[in-house]
Amino acid sequence: MHRTHADLIQLLVRKNIIKNERIKTAMLATDRLDFSTDRLYEDVPQPIGYNVTISAPHMHAHALEMLHDKLIPGARVLDVGSGSGYLTACIARLIQPNGKVIEIVSGDGRLGYSQGGPYDAIHVGAASPNRPNELIEQLKPGGRLVVPVGVGSQKMMIYDKKNDGHDVHERATLGVSYVPLTDKSKQWRH
């Protein structure tokens, strides 16, 4: 167990999960104490209610690393399934000044939020059962989507929309286990 937030971030640096200095700075400035109540500085997911979790810190770091070259000052970013808001806060730090990520919208995450797009980057904190074409459509040419995909066995997928705005390159990265993307009525049934 790590006693402080700084200890946790240093562990992620030592494990070479955090590679980019800007990401290290953003994560250091965003203490999990403000987003969770239990086992704050352990590298494990934590329940936050409604059958969802705040991801393990290493997964937040991986997501930020996968998006780092798109998270630049002035970028437009969509964080679908933002849960506790921890990753959203880190993204906001990376895209300032003049970037946009914080606008809370309740809806069906599978559909994204086309009214706010197109986006330089989209992160999804819940699993899509298959290729999320609705979200890919909301990327700017040159934009990137990072999303867990699959039912049961999931892979963190990266979708890069080419500069022509039509072709999309996709690649699988880590094996992961995320809650499924859903809508408010299914999530709040309990």
Protein backbone atom coordinates (compact mmCIF):
# COMPACT_ATOMS: atom_id res chain seq x y z
CA MET A 1 0.00 0.00 0.00
CA HIS A 2 1.19 3.50 -0.80
CA ARG A 3 0.76 6.06 1.93
CA THR A 4 0.46 9.17 -0.24
CA HIS A 5 -0.75 10.17 -3.65
CA ALA A 6 2.81 11.17 -4.61
CA ASP A 7 4.06 7.69 -3.63
CA LEU A 8 1.45 6.11 -5.90
CA ILE A 9 2.37 8.32 -8.87
CA GLN A 10 6.10 7.63 -8.32
CA LEU A 11 5.35 3.88 -8.40
CA LEU A 12 3.63 4.30 -11.79
CA VAL A 13 6.68 6.21 -13.04
CA ARG A 14 9.08 3.51 -11.74
CA LYS A 15 6.98 0.81 -13.44
CA ASN A 16 7.28 2.84 -16.68
CA ILE A 17 3.50 3.17 -16.95
CA ILE A 18 3.76 6.96 -16.75
CA LYS A 19 6.35 7.96 -19.34
CA ASN A 20 5.37 11.53 -20.19
CA GLU A 21 6.31 14.34 -17.78
CA ARG A 22 3.09 16.28 -18.55
CA ILE A 23 1.01 13.24 -17.55
CA LYS A 24 3.01 12.81 -14.35
CA THR A 25 2.41 16.48 -13.50
CA ALA A 26 -1.34 16.25 -14.24
CA MET A 27 -1.77 13.10 -12.17
CA LEU A 28 0.26 14.52 -9.27
CA ALA A 29 -1.98 17.62 -9.30
CA THR A 30 -5.15 15.46 -9.21
CA ASP A 31 -5.28 13.67 -5.86
CA ARG A 32 -7.53 10.58 -5.66
CA LEU A 33 -8.60 11.79 -2.22
CA ASP A 34 -10.99 14.15 -4.01
CA PHE A 35 -12.55 11.33 -6.07
CA SER A 36 -12.76 8.22 -3.88
CA THR A 37 -13.08 7.28 -0.22
CA ASP A 38 -11.53 3.85 0.19
CA ARG A 39 -8.03 2.45 -0.42
CA LEU A 40 -7.16 5.77 -2.07
CA TYR A 41 -3.55 5.12 -2.91
CA GLU A 42 -3.65 1.48 -3.86
CA ASP A 43 -3.35 0.60 -7.53
CA VAL A 44 -6.75 -1.11 -7.69
CA PRO A 45 -10.21 -0.05 -8.90
CA GLN A 46 -12.62 1.22 -6.23
CA PRO A 47 -16.45 1.04 -6.19
CA ILE A 48 -18.16 4.44 -6.44
CA GLY A 49 -21.80 3.33 -6.52
CA TYR A 50 -24.34 2.37 -9.20
CA ASN A 51 -22.30 -0.75 -10.07
CA VAL A 52 -19.36 1.31 -11.39
CA THR A 53 -15.82 1.92 -10.22
CA ILE A 54 -13.05 4.47 -10.34
CA SER A 55 -10.43 2.71 -12.45
CA ALA A 56 -7.13 1.60 -11.00
CA PRO A 57 -4.54 4.39 -11.23
CA HIS A 58 -2.42 2.40 -13.70
CA MET A 59 -5.40 2.30 -16.09
CA HIS A 60 -5.82 6.08 -15.85
CA ALA A 61 -2.12 6.43 -16.60
CA HIS A 62 -2.34 4.03 -19.58
CA ALA A 63 -5.31 5.96 -21.01
CA LEU A 64 -3.52 9.30 -20.68
CA GLU A 65 -0.37 7.85 -22.27
CA MET A 66 -2.38 6.46 -25.20
CA LEU A 67 -3.91 9.91 -25.77
CA HIS A 68 -0.97 12.11 -24.75
CA ASP A 69 -0.17 13.55 -28.20
CA LYS A 70 -3.85 14.55 -28.64
CA LEU A 71 -4.16 16.11 -25.15
CA ILE A 72 -2.61 19.43 -26.03
CA PRO A 73 -3.63 22.97 -25.08
CA GLY A 74 -6.83 23.92 -26.87
CA ALA A 75 -7.95 20.32 -27.64
CA ARG A 76 -11.60 19.24 -27.58
CA VAL A 77 -12.02 16.01 -25.62
CA LEU A 78 -14.98 13.76 -24.80
CA ASP A 79 -14.73 11.50 -21.75
CA VAL A 80 -17.56 8.97 -21.98
CA GLY A 81 -18.42 7.08 -18.80
CA SER A 82 -16.38 9.50 -16.71
CA GLY A 83 -17.40 7.87 -13.41
CA SER A 84 -15.76 9.73 -10.53
CA GLY A 85 -14.35 12.41 -12.85
CA TYR A 86 -10.71 11.70 -11.94
CA LEU A 87 -9.51 11.12 -15.49
CA THR A 88 -11.63 14.02 -16.75
CA ALA A 89 -9.85 16.33 -14.29
CA CYS A 90 -6.43 15.07 -15.45
CA ILE A 91 -7.42 15.63 -19.08
CA ALA A 92 -8.63 19.14 -18.27
CA ARG A 93 -5.21 19.97 -16.79
CA LEU A 94 -3.48 18.72 -19.96
CA ILE A 95 -5.57 20.68 -22.48
CA GLN A 96 -5.50 24.08 -20.80
CA PRO A 97 -5.53 26.85 -21.75
CA ASN A 98 -8.55 26.98 -24.03
CA GLY A 99 -9.24 23.24 -24.16
CA LYS A 100 -12.68 21.79 -23.44
CA VAL A 101 -13.55 18.59 -21.59
CA ILE A 102 -15.71 19.47 -18.59
CA GLU A 103 -19.38 19.65 -19.42
CA ILE A 104 -21.43 17.02 -17.64
CA VAL A 105 -24.02 15.38 -19.89
CA SER A 106 -26.26 12.49 -18.87
CA GLY A 107 -27.16 10.16 -21.70
CA ASP A 108 -26.38 6.96 -23.53
CA GLY A 109 -22.58 6.82 -23.70
CA ARG A 110 -22.74 4.49 -26.67
CA LEU A 111 -23.99 7.45 -28.71
CA GLY A 112 -21.31 9.89 -27.54
CA TYR A 113 -22.17 13.58 -27.65
CA SER A 114 -22.15 14.81 -31.25
CA GLN A 115 -23.31 18.31 -30.23
CA GLY A 116 -19.92 18.99 -28.62
CA GLY A 117 -17.77 17.53 -31.41
CA PRO A 118 -15.89 16.89 -33.44
CA TYR A 119 -13.23 15.83 -30.94
CA ASP A 120 -9.46 15.64 -31.00
CA ALA A 121 -9.67 12.80 -28.48
CA ILE A 122 -12.33 10.56 -26.99
CA HIS A 123 -11.78 8.34 -23.96
CA VAL A 124 -14.35 5.75 -22.91
CA GLY A 125 -14.32 4.42 -19.36
CA ALA A 126 -16.71 1.52 -20.00
CA ALA A 127 -16.68 -1.35 -22.50
CA SER A 128 -18.33 -1.19 -25.88
CA PRO A 129 -19.53 -4.62 -27.03
CA ASN A 130 -18.13 -4.00 -30.53
CA ARG A 131 -16.48 -1.34 -32.73
CA PRO A 132 -18.03 1.98 -31.56
CA ASN A 133 -18.80 3.55 -34.94
CA GLU A 134 -20.96 6.34 -33.45
CA LEU A 135 -17.97 7.53 -31.42
CA ILE A 136 -15.49 7.15 -34.28
CA GLU A 137 -17.74 9.39 -36.39
CA GLN A 138 -17.40 12.14 -33.75
CA LEU A 139 -13.60 12.31 -34.10
CA LYS A 140 -11.95 15.14 -36.03
CA PRO A 141 -9.68 14.08 -38.87
CA GLY A 142 -6.47 13.15 -37.06
CA GLY A 143 -8.40 12.39 -33.83
CA ARG A 144 -8.04 9.37 -31.56
CA LEU A 145 -10.49 7.20 -29.62
CA VAL A 146 -9.37 4.95 -26.73
CA VAL A 147 -12.04 2.46 -25.65
CA PRO A 148 -12.30 -1.04 -24.12
CA VAL A 149 -14.08 -3.33 -26.59
CA GLY A 150 -15.57 -6.77 -26.12
CA VAL A 151 -17.96 -8.83 -24.07
CA GLY A 152 -16.23 -11.05 -21.55
CA SER A 153 -12.73 -10.85 -23.00
CA GLN A 154 -11.99 -7.17 -23.68
CA LYS A 155 -9.13 -5.31 -25.33
CA MET A 156 -8.29 -1.63 -24.97
CA MET A 157 -8.59 -0.41 -28.54
CA ILE A 158 -7.11 2.65 -30.17
CA TYR A 159 -8.89 4.09 -33.22
CA ASP A 160 -7.02 6.80 -35.14
CA LYS A 161 -9.01 8.70 -37.73
CA LYS A 162 -6.73 9.55 -40.62
CA ASN A 163 -6.32 13.14 -41.78
CA ASP A 164 -8.56 12.42 -44.79
CA GLY A 165 -11.42 12.10 -42.26
CA HIS A 166 -12.56 8.74 -43.63
CA ASP A 167 -10.02 5.99 -43.05
CA VAL A 168 -9.55 4.68 -39.52
CA HIS A 169 -6.58 2.71 -38.24
CA GLU A 170 -7.36 0.43 -35.29
CA ARG A 171 -5.13 -1.52 -32.97
CA ALA A 172 -5.57 -3.59 -29.83
CA THR A 173 -3.41 -2.89 -26.80
CA LEU A 174 -4.02 -4.23 -23.27
CA GLY A 175 -6.36 -6.95 -22.13
CA VAL A 176 -8.79 -5.24 -19.73
CA SER A 177 -11.96 -5.77 -17.69
CA TYR A 178 -14.43 -2.84 -17.65
CA VAL A 179 -18.12 -2.50 -16.84
CA PRO A 180 -20.25 -2.29 -20.01
CA LEU A 181 -21.38 0.97 -21.59
CA THR A 182 -25.05 1.44 -20.84
CA ASP A 183 -27.74 4.06 -20.50
CA LYS A 184 -29.04 5.81 -17.39
CA SER A 185 -32.17 3.69 -17.03
CA LYS A 186 -30.21 0.42 -16.96
CA GLN A 187 -27.50 1.76 -14.68
CA TRP A 188 -29.85 3.40 -12.18
CA ARG A 189 -32.34 0.51 -11.94
CA HIS A 190 -31.06 -0.56 -8.52
